[in-house]
Each structure stands twice: as C-alpha cells, then as structure tokens.
Protein backbone atom coordinates (compact mmCIF):
# COMPACT_ATOMS: atom_id res chain seq x y z
CA MET A 1 2.54 12.54 1.81
CA ASN A 2 5.84 10.74 1.53
CA GLU A 3 6.53 7.01 1.50
CA SER A 4 7.21 6.72 5.22
CA ASP A 5 3.85 8.38 6.06
CA TRP A 6 1.72 5.93 4.11
CA ALA A 7 3.91 2.95 4.95
CA LYS A 8 3.34 3.67 8.66
CA SER A 9 -0.39 4.37 8.27
CA GLY A 10 -0.94 1.32 6.07
CA VAL A 11 -3.06 3.26 3.55
CA PHE A 12 -1.99 4.94 0.31
CA ASP A 13 -4.17 7.48 -1.51
CA ARG A 14 -7.11 6.69 0.84
CA ARG A 15 -7.75 3.61 -1.30
CA PHE A 16 -4.92 1.09 -1.18
CA ARG A 17 -4.26 -0.80 2.06
CA ILE A 18 -0.63 -1.83 2.37
CA VAL A 19 -0.51 -5.57 3.11
CA ARG A 20 3.25 -6.11 3.40
CA LYS A 21 6.63 -5.10 2.08
CA LEU A 22 7.79 -7.48 -0.65
CA GLY A 23 11.33 -6.24 -1.09
CA THR A 24 13.78 -3.40 -1.34
CA GLY A 25 16.26 -2.81 -4.13
CA GLY A 26 18.74 -0.18 -5.21
CA MET A 27 16.15 2.43 -6.16
CA SER A 28 12.81 1.36 -4.73
CA THR A 29 10.73 -0.58 -2.27
CA VAL A 30 7.88 -2.79 -3.47
CA TYR A 31 4.73 -3.36 -1.40
CA GLU A 32 1.77 -5.68 -1.79
CA ALA A 33 -1.44 -3.66 -1.53
CA GLU A 34 -5.17 -4.33 -1.57
CA ASP A 35 -7.49 -2.04 -3.50
CA THR A 36 -10.19 -1.30 -0.91
CA MET A 37 -12.60 0.08 -3.54
CA VAL A 38 -12.61 -3.23 -5.43
CA ALA A 39 -12.71 -5.25 -2.22
CA SER A 40 -15.79 -3.37 -0.97
CA ILE A 41 -17.63 -3.73 -4.30
CA SER A 42 -17.03 -7.48 -4.58
CA LYS A 43 -18.42 -8.27 -1.11
C-alpha cells in the first residue's frame, strides 16, 4: 500500500485513522493520525 492509497482511504495499517494533513516539505508529508486501538480501549 503506498501513501496515496492510505491517504485516500483515511486509514493506515488498519489501525491509524488519518485526521488531517499537517504539512508537506522537501522530502515528506506529515499527517495527524488517531490510534484507533487506544481510542477504543479508553472509551
């Protein structure tokens, strides 16, 4: 799975939900993500 696949689906590694893109630089893009495993345990 490449970056564009999980960025479009909003989920990375079936665990992290992509919240929003924070920024893009010369070599990378940084996203804010929520760990759905931790979120489900704490509820």
